[in-house]
Amino acid sequence: MAPPDGADDSGGEGAGRLNRIRDEYVRRSDLDGRVHRLESSIKDLREEHRETSKETTRRLDAIIASLAKNNA
């Protein structure tokens, strides 16, 4: 006969519950680490985007200034 829900054959209901808690903790810990890495990557991407936007704006300003000078 199968053990009751939440139990396993190795030590009764308590061991099954402990195994389940351990597995959930490990998954949560892994997830926390992955979320932290994603947050860090997003932060890096935002910084790169800001730098690229500033450089693009600087270049566009230079083009506009050059065109204004040539048309004056």
N, C-alpha and C. Protein backbone atom coordinates (compact mmCIF):
# COMPACT_ATOMS: atom_id res chain seq x y z
N MET A 1 0.83 -1.18 0.00
CA MET A 1 0.00 0.00 0.00
C MET A 1 0.88 1.24 0.00
N ALA A 2 0.48 2.29 -0.72
CA ALA A 2 1.26 3.51 -0.84
C ALA A 2 1.18 4.30 0.46
N PRO A 3 2.28 4.98 0.79
CA PRO A 3 2.25 5.80 2.00
C PRO A 3 1.28 6.96 1.84
N PRO A 4 0.78 7.50 2.94
CA PRO A 4 -0.15 8.62 2.86
C PRO A 4 0.52 9.83 2.20
N ASP A 5 -0.31 10.73 1.70
CA ASP A 5 0.18 11.94 1.04
C ASP A 5 1.14 12.68 1.96
N GLY A 6 2.30 13.07 1.42
CA GLY A 6 3.27 13.80 2.20
C GLY A 6 4.25 12.89 2.93
N ALA A 7 4.12 11.58 2.80
CA ALA A 7 5.01 10.66 3.49
C ALA A 7 5.76 9.84 2.46
N ASP A 8 6.86 9.26 2.90
CA ASP A 8 7.56 8.32 2.04
C ASP A 8 7.89 7.09 2.84
N ASP A 9 8.47 6.09 2.19
CA ASP A 9 8.75 4.82 2.86
C ASP A 9 9.96 4.90 3.79
N SER A 10 10.79 5.96 3.68
CA SER A 10 12.06 5.97 4.40
C SER A 10 11.93 6.35 5.87
N GLY A 11 10.87 7.01 6.29
CA GLY A 11 10.84 7.38 7.69
C GLY A 11 9.51 7.90 8.13
N GLY A 12 8.50 7.61 7.42
CA GLY A 12 7.18 8.05 7.82
C GLY A 12 6.85 9.44 7.35
N GLU A 13 5.80 9.95 7.91
CA GLU A 13 5.26 11.24 7.47
C GLU A 13 6.22 12.39 7.69
N GLY A 14 6.93 12.39 8.81
CA GLY A 14 7.86 13.47 9.12
C GLY A 14 8.98 13.58 8.09
N ALA A 15 9.54 12.45 7.71
CA ALA A 15 10.63 12.46 6.73
C ALA A 15 10.13 12.94 5.37
N GLY A 16 8.93 12.53 4.99
CA GLY A 16 8.38 12.99 3.72
C GLY A 16 8.18 14.49 3.70
N ARG A 17 7.70 15.01 4.80
CA ARG A 17 7.50 16.47 4.91
C ARG A 17 8.84 17.19 4.88
N LEU A 18 9.82 16.66 5.59
CA LEU A 18 11.16 17.26 5.58
C LEU A 18 11.76 17.25 4.18
N ASN A 19 11.60 16.15 3.47
CA ASN A 19 12.12 16.07 2.10
C ASN A 19 11.46 17.11 1.21
N ARG A 20 10.16 17.26 1.35
CA ARG A 20 9.43 18.24 0.54
C ARG A 20 9.88 19.66 0.86
N ILE A 21 10.04 19.97 2.15
CA ILE A 21 10.50 21.30 2.56
C ILE A 21 11.91 21.55 2.02
N ARG A 22 12.78 20.55 2.14
CA ARG A 22 14.15 20.69 1.63
C ARG A 22 14.14 20.97 0.13
N ASP A 23 13.35 20.21 -0.61
CA ASP A 23 13.28 20.40 -2.07
C ASP A 23 12.75 21.77 -2.42
N GLU A 24 11.74 22.25 -1.72
CA GLU A 24 11.18 23.57 -1.98
C GLU A 24 12.20 24.65 -1.65
N TYR A 25 12.94 24.48 -0.55
CA TYR A 25 13.96 25.45 -0.18
C TYR A 25 15.05 25.52 -1.24
N VAL A 26 15.49 24.37 -1.72
CA VAL A 26 16.53 24.33 -2.74
C VAL A 26 16.03 25.04 -4.00
N ARG A 27 14.81 24.76 -4.40
CA ARG A 27 14.26 25.42 -5.59
C ARG A 27 14.16 26.93 -5.36
N ARG A 28 13.72 27.35 -4.19
CA ARG A 28 13.58 28.77 -3.89
C ARG A 28 14.94 29.44 -3.87
N SER A 29 15.93 28.76 -3.31
CA SER A 29 17.28 29.29 -3.26
C SER A 29 17.84 29.44 -4.68
N ASP A 30 17.64 28.44 -5.52
CA ASP A 30 18.07 28.53 -6.92
C ASP A 30 17.38 29.68 -7.63
N LEU A 31 16.09 29.81 -7.39
CA LEU A 31 15.32 30.88 -8.02
C LEU A 31 15.82 32.24 -7.57
N ASP A 32 16.08 32.39 -6.28
CA ASP A 32 16.60 33.66 -5.77
C ASP A 32 17.91 34.03 -6.45
N GLY A 33 18.78 33.06 -6.62
CA GLY A 33 20.05 33.32 -7.30
C GLY A 33 19.86 33.73 -8.74
N ARG A 34 18.96 33.07 -9.42
CA ARG A 34 18.69 33.42 -10.83
C ARG A 34 18.06 34.80 -10.95
N VAL A 35 17.15 35.12 -10.05
CA VAL A 35 16.51 36.44 -10.08
C VAL A 35 17.56 37.51 -9.82
N HIS A 36 18.46 37.27 -8.88
CA HIS A 36 19.52 38.24 -8.59
C HIS A 36 20.40 38.46 -9.82
N ARG A 37 20.76 37.37 -10.51
CA ARG A 37 21.57 37.52 -11.73
C ARG A 37 20.82 38.27 -12.81
N LEU A 38 19.52 38.00 -12.95
CA LEU A 38 18.72 38.73 -13.94
C LEU A 38 18.66 40.22 -13.61
N GLU A 39 18.44 40.53 -12.33
CA GLU A 39 18.39 41.93 -11.93
C GLU A 39 19.71 42.63 -12.23
N SER A 40 20.81 41.96 -11.96
CA SER A 40 22.12 42.52 -12.24
C SER A 40 22.32 42.73 -13.74
N SER A 41 21.89 41.76 -14.53
CA SER A 41 22.01 41.89 -15.99
C SER A 41 21.17 43.03 -16.52
N ILE A 42 19.97 43.18 -15.99
CA ILE A 42 19.09 44.26 -16.42
C ILE A 42 19.70 45.61 -16.06
N LYS A 43 20.29 45.70 -14.88
CA LYS A 43 20.95 46.94 -14.47
C LYS A 43 22.07 47.29 -15.44
N ASP A 44 22.89 46.27 -15.80
CA ASP A 44 23.98 46.50 -16.75
C ASP A 44 23.45 46.94 -18.10
N LEU A 45 22.37 46.31 -18.56
CA LEU A 45 21.79 46.69 -19.86
C LEU A 45 21.26 48.12 -19.83
N ARG A 46 20.65 48.51 -18.73
CA ARG A 46 20.15 49.88 -18.61
C ARG A 46 21.30 50.88 -18.68
N GLU A 47 22.41 50.59 -17.99
CA GLU A 47 23.56 51.48 -18.03
C GLU A 47 24.12 51.58 -19.45
N GLU A 48 24.23 50.44 -20.13
CA GLU A 48 24.72 50.45 -21.51
C GLU A 48 23.77 51.25 -22.41
N HIS A 49 22.48 51.10 -22.20
CA HIS A 49 21.50 51.83 -23.01
C HIS A 49 21.63 53.33 -22.78
N ARG A 50 21.80 53.75 -21.52
CA ARG A 50 21.98 55.18 -21.23
C ARG A 50 23.22 55.72 -21.94
N GLU A 51 24.32 54.98 -21.85
CA GLU A 51 25.55 55.42 -22.51
C GLU A 51 25.36 55.52 -24.02
N THR A 52 24.72 54.54 -24.61
CA THR A 52 24.47 54.54 -26.05
C THR A 52 23.56 55.70 -26.45
N SER A 53 22.55 55.95 -25.64
CA SER A 53 21.63 57.06 -25.93
C SER A 53 22.36 58.39 -25.87
N LYS A 54 23.23 58.56 -24.88
CA LYS A 54 24.00 59.81 -24.77
C LYS A 54 24.90 59.99 -25.98
N GLU A 55 25.55 58.91 -26.40
CA GLU A 55 26.44 58.97 -27.57
C GLU A 55 25.64 59.29 -28.84
N THR A 56 24.49 58.68 -28.99
CA THR A 56 23.64 58.94 -30.16
C THR A 56 23.19 60.40 -30.17
N THR A 57 22.79 60.90 -29.01
CA THR A 57 22.36 62.31 -28.91
C THR A 57 23.52 63.24 -29.26
N ARG A 58 24.72 62.93 -28.76
CA ARG A 58 25.88 63.75 -29.06
C ARG A 58 26.16 63.78 -30.56
N ARG A 59 26.07 62.64 -31.20
CA ARG A 59 26.33 62.57 -32.65
C ARG A 59 25.25 63.31 -33.45
N LEU A 60 24.00 63.14 -33.04
CA LEU A 60 22.92 63.86 -33.73
C LEU A 60 23.08 65.37 -33.56
N ASP A 61 23.46 65.80 -32.38
CA ASP A 61 23.69 67.23 -32.15
C ASP A 61 24.80 67.75 -33.06
N ALA A 62 25.85 66.95 -33.23
CA ALA A 62 26.95 67.35 -34.11
C ALA A 62 26.48 67.44 -35.56
N ILE A 63 25.66 66.51 -35.99
CA ILE A 63 25.14 66.54 -37.37
C ILE A 63 24.24 67.76 -37.56
N ILE A 64 23.37 68.02 -36.61
CA ILE A 64 22.47 69.18 -36.71
C ILE A 64 23.27 70.47 -36.74
N ALA A 65 24.29 70.56 -35.90
CA ALA A 65 25.12 71.77 -35.87
C ALA A 65 25.84 71.95 -37.21
N SER A 66 26.34 70.84 -37.76
CA SER A 66 27.03 70.91 -39.05
C SER A 66 26.08 71.35 -40.15
N LEU A 67 24.86 70.79 -40.17
CA LEU A 67 23.88 71.16 -41.18
C LEU A 67 23.47 72.62 -41.03
N ALA A 68 23.31 73.07 -39.81
CA ALA A 68 22.92 74.47 -39.57
C ALA A 68 24.03 75.41 -40.04
N LYS A 69 25.28 75.02 -39.81
CA LYS A 69 26.41 75.84 -40.22
C LYS A 69 26.50 75.93 -41.74
N ASN A 70 26.25 74.79 -42.43
CA ASN A 70 26.34 74.74 -43.88
C ASN A 70 25.19 75.49 -44.55
N ASN A 71 24.03 75.56 -43.90
CA ASN A 71 22.87 76.24 -44.48
C ASN A 71 22.83 77.72 -44.12
N ALA A 72 23.70 78.18 -43.26
CA ALA A 72 23.68 79.58 -42.85
C ALA A 72 24.42 80.48 -43.78
